[in-house]
Protein backbone atom coordinates (compact mmCIF):
# COMPACT_ATOMS: atom_id res chain seq x y z
CA MET A 1 0.00 0.00 0.00
CA ILE A 2 2.72 2.48 0.91
CA THR A 3 4.61 1.71 -2.31
CA LEU A 4 1.45 2.31 -4.33
CA LEU A 5 0.96 5.62 -2.52
CA LEU A 6 4.57 6.58 -3.31
CA VAL A 7 3.97 5.92 -7.01
CA ILE A 8 0.80 8.01 -6.91
CA THR A 9 2.62 10.78 -5.02
CA LEU A 10 5.25 11.11 -7.74
CA CYS A 11 3.09 10.40 -10.77
CA TRP A 12 -0.07 12.30 -9.92
CA PRO A 13 1.47 15.84 -10.17
CA ILE A 14 2.96 14.88 -13.54
CA CYS A 15 -0.46 13.63 -14.68
CA VAL A 16 -2.00 16.89 -13.48
CA SER A 17 0.50 18.84 -15.59
CA LEU A 18 -0.14 16.63 -18.64
CA MET A 19 -3.90 17.02 -18.19
CA GLY A 20 -3.34 20.76 -18.23
CA VAL A 21 -1.63 20.42 -21.61
CA TRP A 22 -4.45 18.21 -22.88
CA LYS A 23 -7.12 20.67 -21.76
CA ALA A 24 -5.19 23.54 -23.34
CA TYR A 25 -5.60 21.87 -26.74
CA ARG A 26 -9.08 20.44 -26.22
CA THR A 27 -10.90 23.21 -24.33
CA PRO A 28 -11.57 26.70 -25.70
CA ALA A 29 -9.93 29.45 -23.66
CA THR A 30 -13.34 30.90 -22.80
CA HIS A 31 -14.28 27.69 -20.93
CA ARG A 32 -10.89 26.73 -19.54
CA ARG A 33 -10.38 26.44 -15.77
CA TYR A 34 -6.73 26.56 -14.85
CA PHE A 35 -7.11 25.83 -11.14
CA SER A 36 -9.65 23.03 -10.96
CA TRP A 37 -9.97 20.59 -8.07
CA VAL A 38 -7.80 18.17 -10.00
CA TRP A 39 -5.04 20.79 -10.12
CA LEU A 40 -5.47 21.54 -6.42
CA SER A 41 -5.07 17.85 -5.57
CA ALA A 42 -1.47 17.57 -6.87
CA ALA A 43 0.01 17.67 -3.35
CA TRP A 44 -2.62 15.61 -1.52
CA PRO A 45 -1.03 12.15 -1.99
CA ALA A 46 2.33 13.47 -0.72
CA LEU A 47 0.68 14.79 2.43
CA LEU A 48 -0.93 11.41 3.07
CA LEU A 49 2.38 9.64 2.39
CA ALA A 50 4.11 11.67 5.11
CA TYR A 51 1.73 10.32 7.75
CA ILE A 52 1.41 6.69 6.69
CA GLY A 53 4.69 5.54 8.25
CA GLU A 54 8.38 4.91 7.65
CA ALA A 55 9.59 2.94 4.64
CA GLN A 56 12.57 2.36 2.35
CA TRP A 57 12.74 1.52 -1.34
CA VAL A 58 15.62 0.20 -3.45
CA ILE A 59 14.99 0.42 -7.21
CA ASP A 60 17.89 -1.05 -9.18
CA ALA A 61 16.37 -0.07 -12.54
CA TRP A 62 16.24 3.63 -11.61
CA MET A 63 19.18 5.48 -13.17
CA LEU A 64 22.29 4.53 -11.12
CA GLY A 65 20.14 2.68 -8.61
CA GLY A 66 17.41 4.40 -6.64
CA HIS A 67 17.41 4.51 -2.85
CA TRP A 68 14.41 6.33 -1.39
CA SER A 69 13.39 6.62 2.23
CA LEU A 70 10.75 7.93 4.60
CA ASN A 71 12.38 8.25 8.00
CA ALA A 72 12.43 10.42 11.09
CA LEU A 73 13.88 13.30 9.06
CA SER A 74 12.16 13.05 5.67
CA ARG A 75 8.64 12.38 7.04
CA PRO A 76 8.21 15.70 8.92
CA TRP A 77 9.99 17.52 6.09
CA LEU A 78 7.59 16.05 3.54
CA ALA A 79 4.63 16.81 5.82
CA PHE A 80 5.23 20.55 6.17
CA THR A 81 6.31 20.87 2.54
CA ALA A 82 3.21 19.14 1.15
CA LEU A 83 0.88 20.98 3.54
CA LEU A 84 2.27 24.37 2.51
CA TRP A 85 1.95 23.47 -1.19
CA CYS A 86 -1.70 22.48 -0.55
CA PHE A 87 -2.49 25.79 1.12
CA ALA A 88 -0.62 27.79 -1.54
CA ALA A 89 -2.52 26.03 -4.35
CA ILE A 90 -5.87 26.90 -2.77
CA HIS A 91 -4.65 30.45 -2.26
CA ALA A 92 -3.61 30.60 -5.92
CA ARG A 93 -7.12 29.66 -7.00
CA GLY A 94 -8.45 32.78 -5.33
CA TYR A 95 -5.44 34.95 -6.11
CA PHE A 96 -5.71 34.35 -9.85
CA ALA A 97 -9.52 34.44 -10.06
CA LYS A 98 -9.57 37.85 -11.77
CA GLU A 99 -6.73 36.91 -14.11
CA GLN A 100 -8.59 33.73 -15.06
CA ALA A 101 -11.67 35.82 -15.85
CA SER A 102 -9.49 37.99 -18.11
CA ALA A 103 -8.14 34.89 -19.85
CA GLN A 104 -11.68 33.61 -20.41
CA ALA A 105 -12.51 37.01 -21.89
CA ASP A 106 -9.90 36.33 -24.62
CA ASP A 107 -6.91 38.03 -23.00
CA ARG A 108 -4.16 36.04 -24.71
CA ALA A 109 -1.37 37.33 -22.44
CA ALA A 110 -3.26 36.27 -19.31
CA GLU A 111 -4.02 32.93 -20.96
CA ARG A 112 -0.33 32.24 -21.62
CA ARG A 113 0.70 33.28 -18.11
CA LEU A 114 -1.89 31.09 -16.40
CA LEU A 115 -1.21 28.11 -18.63
CA ARG A 116 2.53 28.34 -17.91
CA LEU A 117 1.91 28.58 -14.16
CA ALA A 118 -0.63 25.73 -14.15
CA LEU A 119 1.83 23.45 -15.97
CA LEU A 120 5.00 24.31 -14.03
CA TRP A 121 3.47 24.40 -10.55
CA PRO A 122 2.97 20.59 -10.27
CA LEU A 123 6.39 19.93 -11.80
CA THR A 124 8.06 22.21 -9.27
CA PHE A 125 6.23 20.38 -6.50
CA VAL A 126 7.22 16.90 -7.69
CA GLY A 127 10.86 18.00 -7.80
CA ASN A 128 10.52 19.24 -4.22
CA VAL A 129 9.08 15.88 -3.12
CA LEU A 130 11.69 13.87 -5.00
CA LEU A 131 14.66 15.54 -3.32
CA ILE A 132 13.10 15.01 0.12
CA ILE A 133 12.69 11.23 -0.19
CA ALA A 134 15.95 10.73 -2.15
CA GLN A 135 18.86 8.91 -0.55
CA ASP A 136 20.89 8.51 -3.75
CA ILE A 137 22.80 11.20 -5.61
CA ALA A 138 21.04 10.93 -8.98
CA THR A 139 17.51 11.20 -7.55
CA PHE A 140 18.43 14.07 -5.25
CA TYR A 141 20.07 16.06 -8.02
CA LEU A 142 17.20 15.34 -10.44
CA GLY A 143 14.64 16.54 -7.92
CA PHE A 144 16.68 19.61 -6.99
CA ALA A 145 17.25 20.62 -10.62
CA LEU A 146 13.62 20.00 -11.62
CA MET A 147 12.36 22.10 -8.73
CA THR A 148 14.90 24.85 -9.43
CA PHE A 149 14.28 25.36 -13.13
CA ALA A 150 10.53 24.75 -13.12
CA ALA A 151 10.20 27.44 -10.43
CA TYR A 152 11.49 30.04 -12.92
CA GLY A 153 7.99 30.14 -14.39
CA LEU A 154 6.54 30.93 -10.96
CA VAL A 155 8.89 33.88 -10.47
CA VAL A 156 8.54 35.42 -13.94
CA HIS A 157 4.75 34.98 -14.04
CA ASN A 158 3.70 38.64 -14.17
CA GLY A 159 6.05 39.48 -17.03
CA THR A 160 6.76 42.97 -15.67
CA PRO A 161 10.30 44.41 -15.82
CA GLU A 162 10.59 43.76 -12.07
CA ALA A 163 9.49 40.15 -12.52
CA LYS A 164 11.96 39.64 -15.36
CA LEU A 165 14.77 41.12 -13.26
CA GLY A 166 13.90 38.90 -10.29
CA ALA A 167 13.63 35.84 -12.54
CA ARG A 168 16.95 36.66 -14.20
CA ALA A 169 18.69 36.99 -10.83
CA TYR A 170 17.08 33.75 -9.68
CA LEU A 171 18.12 31.86 -12.80
CA ILE A 172 21.71 33.16 -12.81
CA LEU A 173 22.26 32.22 -9.18
CA ALA A 174 20.47 28.90 -9.74
CA VAL A 175 22.83 27.96 -12.57
CA VAL A 176 25.83 28.88 -10.40
CA GLY A 177 24.44 26.81 -7.56
CA GLU A 178 23.69 23.80 -9.76
CA GLY A 179 27.26 23.85 -11.05
CA LEU A 180 28.70 23.92 -7.53
CA ILE A 181 26.38 21.13 -6.36
CA LEU A 182 27.21 18.94 -9.33
CA GLY A 183 30.93 19.52 -8.87
CA GLY A 184 30.79 18.74 -5.16
CA LEU A 185 28.65 15.63 -5.56
CA LEU A 186 30.74 14.17 -8.39
CA TRP A 187 34.01 14.88 -6.58
CA ALA A 188 32.80 13.35 -3.32
CA ALA A 189 31.09 10.40 -5.04
CA GLY A 190 34.16 9.65 -7.12
CA SER A 191 36.42 9.83 -4.08
CA ALA A 192 34.20 7.52 -2.00
CA GLU A 193 33.08 5.37 -4.96
CA THR A 194 29.43 5.63 -3.94
CA VAL A 195 26.07 6.62 -5.42
CA LEU A 196 24.39 7.24 -2.05
CA LEU A 197 24.13 10.49 -0.11
CA ALA A 198 25.20 8.64 3.03
CA GLY A 199 28.35 7.55 1.19
CA VAL A 200 29.00 11.14 0.17
CA ARG A 201 28.67 12.20 3.79
CA GLU A 202 31.06 9.50 4.98
CA GLY A 203 33.49 10.18 2.13
CA ILE A 204 33.67 13.89 2.90
CA ALA A 205 34.42 13.08 6.55
CA THR A 206 37.49 11.02 5.63
CA ALA A 207 38.69 12.43 2.28
CA GLU A 208 41.91 14.44 2.09
CA TYR A 209 40.08 17.30 0.38
CA GLY A 210 36.82 16.75 2.23
CA ALA A 211 36.65 20.38 3.35
CA LEU A 212 36.77 21.60 -0.26
CA MET A 213 34.04 19.13 -1.26
CA ALA A 214 31.92 20.27 1.69
CA CYS A 215 32.53 23.94 0.80
CA LEU A 216 31.30 23.39 -2.77
CA LEU A 217 28.16 21.69 -1.51
CA TRP A 218 27.58 24.29 1.19
CA LEU A 219 27.75 27.15 -1.31
CA GLY A 220 25.87 25.34 -4.08
CA LEU A 221 22.98 24.36 -1.82
CA GLY A 222 23.33 27.71 -0.09
CA VAL A 223 22.08 29.54 -3.19
CA LYS A 224 18.64 28.12 -2.43
CA ALA A 225 19.09 28.56 1.33
CA GLY A 226 20.04 32.24 1.04
CA VAL A 227 23.65 32.09 2.23
CA ILE A 228 25.01 35.61 2.52
CA GLY A 229 26.52 36.77 -0.76
CA LEU A 230 24.37 34.27 -2.71
CA HIS A 231 21.06 35.53 -1.32
CA VAL A 232 20.52 38.40 -3.72
CA TRP A 233 17.80 36.72 -5.80
CA LEU A 234 15.41 36.52 -2.84
CA PRO A 235 14.60 40.23 -2.34
CA LEU A 236 14.38 40.71 -6.11
CA ALA A 237 12.20 37.69 -6.87
CA HIS A 238 9.70 37.85 -4.00
CA PRO A 239 8.24 41.33 -4.57
CA ALA A 240 7.64 40.49 -8.24
CA ALA A 241 6.37 36.92 -7.84
CA PRO A 242 2.69 36.19 -7.09
CA ALA A 243 1.92 35.71 -3.40
CA PRO A 244 1.28 31.93 -3.68
CA ALA A 245 4.61 31.47 -5.47
CA SER A 246 6.40 33.55 -2.83
CA ALA A 247 4.82 31.39 -0.13
CA VAL A 248 6.26 28.14 -1.50
CA LEU A 249 9.55 29.75 -2.55
CA SER A 250 10.25 31.15 0.90
CA GLY A 251 8.51 28.46 2.90
CA ALA A 252 9.30 25.16 1.17
CA MET A 253 11.85 25.52 -1.64
CA ILE A 254 14.31 27.59 0.37
CA LYS A 255 14.45 24.67 2.85
CA ALA A 256 15.73 22.34 0.09
CA GLY A 257 19.21 23.77 0.57
CA LEU A 258 18.98 23.22 4.32
CA LEU A 259 17.87 19.60 3.85
CA GLY A 260 20.67 19.08 1.35
CA TRP A 261 23.22 20.21 3.95
CA ILE A 262 21.82 17.72 6.43
CA TYR A 263 21.98 14.95 3.82
CA VAL A 264 25.51 15.48 2.49
CA LEU A 265 27.59 17.24 5.16
CA PRO A 266 29.19 15.04 7.86
CA LEU A 267 27.23 16.69 10.67
CA GLY A 268 27.78 15.16 14.07
CA GLU A 269 30.61 12.91 12.86
CA THR A 270 33.39 12.44 15.38
CA SER A 271 37.08 12.89 14.53
CA LEU A 272 36.51 15.46 11.79
CA SER A 273 39.56 17.08 10.26
CA GLY A 274 40.65 20.52 11.34
CA ALA A 275 39.70 21.90 7.92
CA LEU A 276 36.10 20.68 8.27
CA THR A 277 35.88 22.14 11.77
CA ARG A 278 37.14 25.48 10.45
CA LEU A 279 34.55 25.29 7.67
CA GLY A 280 31.93 24.85 10.39
CA ASP A 281 33.22 27.99 12.13
CA ILE A 282 33.06 29.90 8.84
CA MET A 283 29.48 28.70 8.30
CA VAL A 284 28.52 29.89 11.79
CA ILE A 285 29.99 33.32 11.08
CA ALA A 286 28.30 33.49 7.66
CA GLY A 287 24.97 32.47 9.17
CA LEU A 288 25.13 35.10 11.90
CA ALA A 289 26.24 37.72 9.38
CA ALA A 290 23.16 36.92 7.29
CA ALA A 291 20.91 36.97 10.37
CA PHE A 292 22.06 40.43 11.44
CA GLY A 293 22.88 41.94 8.04
CA ALA A 294 19.56 41.04 6.45
CA ALA A 295 17.71 42.53 9.40
CA LEU A 296 19.68 45.79 9.29
CA TYR A 297 19.14 46.16 5.53
CA GLY A 298 15.61 44.81 5.32
CA VAL A 299 13.99 47.26 7.71
CA TRP A 300 14.58 50.06 5.18
CA GLN A 301 12.61 48.38 2.39
CA ARG A 302 9.34 49.82 1.13
CA HIS A 303 7.70 46.72 -0.35
CA PRO A 304 6.29 44.38 2.34
CA LYS A 305 7.31 41.28 0.38
CA ALA A 306 10.87 42.60 0.10
CA VAL A 307 10.91 43.02 3.88
CA LEU A 308 9.66 39.44 4.27
CA ALA A 309 12.34 38.25 1.84
CA TYR A 310 15.02 39.76 4.06
CA SER A 311 13.30 38.15 7.02
CA SER A 312 13.69 34.78 5.27
CA ILE A 313 17.39 35.48 4.71
CA SER A 314 17.78 36.38 8.38
CA GLN A 315 15.94 33.27 9.60
CA MET A 316 17.88 31.03 7.21
CA GLY A 317 21.05 32.63 8.56
CA MET A 318 20.07 31.40 12.01
CA LEU A 319 19.43 27.91 10.61
CA THR A 320 22.80 28.04 8.82
CA ALA A 321 24.53 28.75 12.13
CA MET A 322 22.64 25.87 13.78
CA VAL A 323 23.56 23.40 11.04
CA ALA A 324 27.16 24.59 11.13
CA MET A 325 27.38 23.50 14.74
CA GLY A 326 27.25 19.93 13.42
CA LEU A 327 30.73 20.57 12.00
CA ALA A 328 32.09 23.06 14.51
CA ALA A 329 30.85 21.13 17.59
CA PRO A 330 29.69 17.68 16.41
CA GLU A 331 28.66 16.51 19.88
CA VAL A 332 25.73 18.96 19.95
CA TRP A 333 24.19 17.83 16.65
CA PRO A 334 22.11 14.84 17.86
CA LEU A 335 20.40 17.13 20.38
CA LEU A 336 20.07 20.03 17.95
CA LEU A 337 18.63 18.19 14.93
CA PRO A 338 15.01 17.80 16.23
CA GLY A 339 14.94 21.50 17.09
CA VAL A 340 16.24 22.41 13.62
CA VAL A 341 13.50 20.34 11.96
CA LEU A 342 10.77 21.94 14.09
CA PHE A 343 12.27 25.40 13.53
CA ALA A 344 12.28 24.83 9.75
CA ALA A 345 8.70 23.50 9.72
CA HIS A 346 7.36 26.38 11.78
CA HIS A 347 9.21 28.93 9.67
CA ALA A 348 7.80 27.37 6.49
CA LEU A 349 4.16 27.68 7.57
CA ALA A 350 4.56 31.05 9.30
CA LYS A 351 6.37 32.60 6.35
CA GLY A 352 3.85 31.07 3.94
CA ALA A 353 1.03 32.64 5.97
CA LEU A 354 2.81 36.02 5.98
CA PHE A 355 3.26 36.03 2.20
CA MET A 356 -0.35 35.01 1.67
CA GLY A 357 -1.28 37.77 4.09
CA THR A 358 0.25 40.36 1.76
CA SER A 359 -2.36 39.49 -0.87
CA VAL A 360 -5.11 39.58 1.77
CA SER A 361 -4.08 43.10 2.82
CA GLU A 362 -4.12 44.13 -0.85
CA HIS A 363 -7.73 42.87 -1.13
CA LEU A 364 -9.09 43.21 2.40
CA PRO A 365 -12.07 40.97 3.17
CA ARG A 366 -15.18 42.67 4.45
CA TRP A 367 -14.39 41.96 8.09
CA PRO A 368 -13.69 44.32 10.98
CA LEU A 369 -10.34 45.93 10.22
CA ALA A 370 -8.99 45.27 13.72
CA LEU A 371 -9.74 41.56 13.36
CA VAL A 372 -7.93 41.35 10.04
CA TRP A 373 -4.85 43.02 11.44
CA VAL A 374 -4.78 40.86 14.55
CA LEU A 375 -4.90 37.78 12.30
CA LEU A 376 -2.17 39.20 10.06
CA ALA A 377 0.01 39.76 13.13
CA LEU A 378 -0.37 36.25 14.60
CA PRO A 379 2.11 34.42 12.33
CA ALA A 380 4.50 37.36 12.67
CA LEU A 381 4.36 37.08 16.48
CA SER A 382 4.93 33.35 16.28
CA LEU A 383 7.88 33.80 13.93
CA THR A 384 9.62 36.03 16.48
CA GLY A 385 9.53 33.14 18.97
CA ALA A 386 7.33 35.01 21.43
CA PHE A 387 4.08 33.17 20.77
CA GLY A 388 2.61 29.83 19.74
CA ALA A 389 4.74 27.22 18.03
CA GLY A 390 7.52 29.76 17.57
CA LEU A 391 8.06 29.73 21.31
CA VAL A 392 8.36 25.93 21.32
CA SER A 393 10.64 25.73 18.26
CA LYS A 394 12.92 28.43 19.64
CA TRP A 395 13.23 26.60 22.94
CA GLY A 396 13.97 23.32 21.16
CA VAL A 397 17.10 24.89 19.69
CA LYS A 398 18.16 26.87 22.75
CA SER A 399 17.76 23.99 25.19
CA ALA A 400 20.10 21.81 23.11
CA LEU A 401 22.70 24.59 22.94
CA TYR A 402 22.36 25.29 26.66
CA GLU A 403 22.83 21.61 27.48
CA MET A 404 26.12 21.52 25.56
CA HIS A 405 27.26 24.88 27.03
CA HIS A 406 27.06 27.06 23.90
CA GLU A 407 25.59 30.05 25.71
CA GLN A 408 27.40 32.55 23.48
CA LEU A 409 25.63 31.27 20.36
CA VAL A 410 22.32 31.33 22.24
CA ALA A 411 22.90 34.98 23.09
CA LEU A 412 23.71 35.83 19.47
CA LEU A 413 20.62 34.01 18.18
CA THR A 414 18.52 35.87 20.75
CA TRP A 415 19.86 39.20 19.55
CA ALA A 416 19.19 38.11 15.97
CA ALA A 417 15.56 37.51 16.98
CA ILE A 418 15.33 41.27 17.60
CA GLY A 419 15.96 41.69 13.88
CA THR A 420 13.15 39.26 13.09
CA SER A 421 10.79 41.24 15.33
CA ALA A 422 11.77 44.48 13.62
CA LEU A 423 11.36 43.01 10.13
CA VAL A 424 7.89 41.59 10.68
CA SER A 425 6.85 44.86 12.34
CA VAL A 426 8.04 46.84 9.33
CA SER A 427 6.28 44.40 7.00
CA LEU A 428 2.96 44.85 8.80
CA ARG A 429 3.35 48.62 8.74
CA ARG A 430 4.08 48.55 5.00
CA GLN A 431 1.00 46.38 4.48
CA TRP A 432 -1.07 48.88 6.43
CA GLN A 433 0.24 51.75 4.29
CA GLN A 434 -0.47 49.84 1.05
CA ARG A 435 -3.76 48.22 2.09
CA SER A 436 -6.66 48.18 -0.31
CA THR A 437 -10.31 47.30 0.11
CA GLY A 438 -12.54 45.48 -2.33
CA GLY A 439 -12.92 42.03 -0.85
CA SER A 440 -10.90 38.83 -1.11
CA HIS A 441 -11.78 35.57 -2.81
CA PRO A 442 -12.66 32.83 -0.26
CA GLY A 443 -9.72 30.79 -1.56
CA GLN A 444 -7.34 33.58 -0.63
CA TRP A 445 -8.40 34.20 2.95
CA GLY A 446 -9.37 30.54 3.53
CA ALA A 447 -5.89 29.22 2.69
CA TRP A 448 -4.30 32.08 4.61
CA LEU A 449 -6.31 31.29 7.76
CA ALA A 450 -5.47 27.59 7.43
CA ALA A 451 -1.75 28.35 7.02
CA LEU A 452 -1.57 30.68 10.01
CA THR A 453 -3.45 28.16 12.17
CA ALA A 454 -1.04 25.40 11.12
CA ALA A 455 1.89 27.71 11.87
CA LEU A 456 0.65 28.42 15.39
CA VAL A 457 0.22 24.73 16.29
CA THR A 458 3.06 23.16 14.27
CA PRO A 459 4.23 20.66 16.97
CA ILE A 460 0.71 19.19 17.18
CA TRP A 461 0.41 18.03 13.55
CA LEU A 462 4.06 17.56 12.57
CA PRO A 463 5.10 13.85 12.70
CA LEU A 464 8.14 14.34 14.92
CA PRO A 465 9.78 11.62 17.02
CA GLN A 466 8.53 11.40 20.59
CA GLY A 467 9.95 14.11 22.85
CA SER A 468 11.18 16.37 20.03
CA ALA A 469 8.97 19.29 21.04
CA GLU A 470 8.70 20.54 24.61
CA ILE A 471 7.02 23.59 26.08
CA PRO A 472 9.67 25.80 27.68
CA PRO A 473 9.58 26.22 31.48
CA LEU A 474 7.98 29.43 32.70
CA LYS A 475 11.30 30.82 33.95
CA GLU A 476 12.58 30.82 30.35
CA TRP A 477 9.61 32.62 28.79
CA PHE A 478 10.98 36.09 29.40
CA SER A 479 14.31 35.24 27.74
CA LEU A 480 12.38 33.97 24.72
CA MET A 481 9.89 36.83 24.49
CA TRP A 482 11.89 39.98 25.24
CA PRO A 483 13.25 40.42 21.66
CA LEU A 484 9.69 41.14 20.43
CA PRO A 485 9.09 44.44 22.30
CA VAL A 486 12.68 45.52 21.70
CA GLY A 487 12.26 44.93 17.98
CA ILE A 488 9.00 46.90 17.93
CA VAL A 489 10.62 49.82 19.77
CA LEU A 490 13.53 49.84 17.32
CA THR A 491 11.05 49.79 14.44
CA TRP A 492 9.27 52.87 15.73
CA ALA A 493 12.61 54.57 16.30
CA GLY A 494 13.56 53.83 12.70
CA TRP A 495 10.21 55.14 11.52
CA TRP A 496 10.83 58.38 13.43
CA LEU A 497 14.29 58.71 11.87
CA THR A 498 12.98 58.23 8.34
CA ARG A 499 10.34 60.90 8.88
CA HIS A 500 12.63 63.51 10.43
CA TRP A 501 15.92 62.86 8.65
CA ARG A 502 14.52 62.03 5.20
CA ILE A 503 16.49 58.80 4.93
CA ARG A 504 16.17 57.36 1.44
CA PRO A 505 15.06 53.71 1.16
CA LEU A 506 17.73 51.24 0.17
CA PRO A 507 17.24 49.29 -3.07
CA ALA A 508 16.10 45.69 -2.80
CA GLY A 509 18.76 43.24 -3.90
CA ASP A 510 21.65 44.94 -2.02
CA LEU A 511 24.74 43.12 -3.40
CA TRP A 512 23.06 42.39 -6.74
CA TRP A 513 23.78 45.92 -7.90
CA PRO A 514 27.55 45.83 -7.14
CA TYR A 515 27.63 42.39 -8.74
CA ALA A 516 25.88 43.74 -11.82
CA TRP A 517 28.27 46.72 -11.95
CA LEU A 518 31.30 44.43 -11.69
CA VAL A 519 29.98 42.10 -14.37
CA GLN A 520 29.13 44.99 -16.68
CA ASN A 521 32.60 46.47 -16.26
CA ALA A 522 34.15 43.05 -16.71
CA LEU A 523 32.18 42.67 -19.93
CA VAL A 524 33.40 46.10 -21.03
CA GLY A 525 36.94 44.88 -20.36
CA VAL A 526 36.27 41.67 -22.27
CA ARG A 527 34.83 43.64 -25.18
CA SER A 528 37.87 45.97 -25.12
CA ALA A 529 40.20 42.96 -25.07
CA GLY A 530 38.20 41.46 -27.92
CA GLN A 531 38.47 44.72 -29.86
CA TRP A 532 42.22 44.83 -29.22
CA CYS A 533 42.55 41.23 -30.39
CA GLY A 534 40.54 42.17 -33.48
CA ASP A 535 42.86 45.11 -34.16
CA VAL A 536 45.90 42.87 -33.69
CA LYS A 537 44.38 40.33 -36.03
CA ALA A 538 43.62 43.00 -38.64
CA ALA A 539 47.17 44.37 -38.36
CA SER A 540 48.60 40.85 -38.63
CA VAL A 541 46.52 40.18 -41.70
CA GLY A 542 47.65 43.48 -43.21
CA ILE A 543 51.33 42.64 -42.58
CA ALA A 544 50.86 39.16 -44.02
CA LEU A 545 49.17 40.58 -47.11
CA ALA A 546 52.02 43.07 -47.58
CA ILE A 547 54.62 40.30 -47.27
CA GLU A 548 52.60 38.17 -49.67
CA LYS A 549 52.43 41.07 -52.13
CA ARG A 550 56.21 41.51 -52.04
CA MET A 551 56.81 37.80 -52.47
CA MET A 552 54.44 37.70 -55.42
CA ALA A 553 56.27 40.66 -56.96
CA ARG A 554 59.55 38.77 -56.59
CA LEU A 555 58.01 35.68 -58.09
CA THR A 556 56.70 37.75 -60.98
CA GLN A 557 60.24 39.02 -61.64
CA LEU A 558 61.55 35.47 -61.54
CA THR A 559 58.86 34.47 -63.98
CA ALA A 560 59.97 37.24 -66.35
CA MET A 561 63.60 36.00 -66.08
CA GLU A 562 62.38 32.49 -66.89
CA SER A 563 60.94 33.74 -70.19
CA TRP A 564 64.22 35.49 -71.09
CA MET A 565 66.17 32.35 -70.23
CA ARG A 566 63.90 30.22 -72.45
CA HIS A 567 64.70 32.51 -75.41
CA HIS A 568 68.49 32.44 -74.80
CA THR A 569 68.92 28.90 -73.57
CA SER A 570 70.98 27.69 -76.59
CA GLY A 571 73.38 30.62 -76.48
CA LEU A 572 73.83 30.26 -72.72
CA MET A 573 74.48 26.54 -73.04
CA MET A 574 77.12 27.16 -75.73
CA ALA A 575 78.78 29.80 -73.58
CA LEU A 576 78.71 27.43 -70.62
CA ALA A 577 80.25 24.68 -72.74
CA ILE A 578 83.05 26.98 -73.92
CA VAL A 579 83.75 28.06 -70.35
CA LEU A 580 83.93 24.44 -69.21
CA ALA A 581 86.21 23.52 -72.10
CA LEU A 582 88.59 26.39 -71.33
CA LEU A 583 88.67 25.31 -67.70
CA LEU A 584 89.55 21.77 -68.67
CA ILE A 585 92.30 22.98 -71.03
CA TRP A 586 93.69 25.24 -68.35
CA GLU A 587 93.67 22.44 -65.79
CA GLY A 588 95.43 20.08 -68.26
CA SER A 589 98.21 22.48 -69.35
CA PRO A 590 101.69 22.02 -67.66
């Protein structure tokens, strides 16, 4: 039964996509429904699979040999991923209701956009599922690449200049990341002579150049996870992408890089080399830099989804620092892993609810305004760790670090939570400033309410091992909650500064613009070098032609001498004979 459900889980989204193609050719645009119940059901089998139990599959006929697994790690990961995709699909049905009406009214541009989204959405999801259950290199890379490149259509959907810029940044960084992942996997697999992710992990732990292999994989997977320096696509893509796409991008797909780290890095392995330990220290520093830097930059953004994108970078920075402890202090990893999984699951649902909430504030339902804003604030409060499941997930991480005496990292993560509080406060204020009435589709606010409810009670429905989630003791509540009011106070102070000092907003994308400037100038240099090479080539050709012309002139002269010699050959031969005869006579005389 579980094997049959696995087959349905992987095949059903593909069938949904193919049915979309079939309907596109068989149904007139005026009668076409892009987000039918069949389309909405693409993620349902995966959600059921996550709760049916643990299992393993070995499929020798699959590429290099398939090894798939549902275990204590992949089951909760699949559960929160599939649940978020379900909510986002329902939200999309309401979000695109007006655009579907335009397509049915013979708007060809809207028709093309919706058809592309309806086809690529299930394919992106099946790639996300495949990489979660994969335990072999080929399946993991296939799922990761399918998810990555199919998601381009979700980002570029609107077709505006902003959407094209965000999609271009996403695609460029995705290609860079795929190259680094492929290089790291092939190097590690070749060194360990394995096709399994577990073999890659063990090979990196013992290989002479294991730290370089791990660095390639950290950076390659870190493109998706928003590692500082490689994060620049997030604040460019999210403001331009539709809200349902932003929800799954920031909630589910960004976690693929985190899961990849857990799968391939030798976290918690004893007797790691000094180079791997130093890499862990570097990852901790990079994670904390992202946590603090994204918060400091993000609070100055004007678009609420850009603010939320920087919040995702900040939160993923915290998760990066937590994962890095598996290399820097391997003994803490067994205790830290359940907290990391719960933290990731809660962040996925809370951030999904926040992104869906941006579309709700743009089309406010006809409810009391205070009620709407209280509901919009609930996932934000939980994300700060001061309320609901956020409080539990935050304690799950801190208690493990406390137990292994890493109080300094706990303090830094607590201070980073101030940045999270400030970011979500700024996001809500931007939503208030840009709010719009007119009513929401039931699919929009229904999926949003379901997502925020799931975010608040994540430990209840997530299939975690027994004892993975614990309510913090009362004496610890203040230490978990105090960053929220501090972040709000700092937000109001920043608001006062912007009003009185006329501080200009910073552009979304931060390092993207210096990168673009460097690349443009590098291309100018390449073009100049190419022009110089062309000039050298032209000069070389000119010199060669001149030499050739001189040689041909000489040959022409020799040809003229040949004609003269043909006319005087007999006389010359007689003269030569006489000269030879005289020489012989002279030699023979006494």
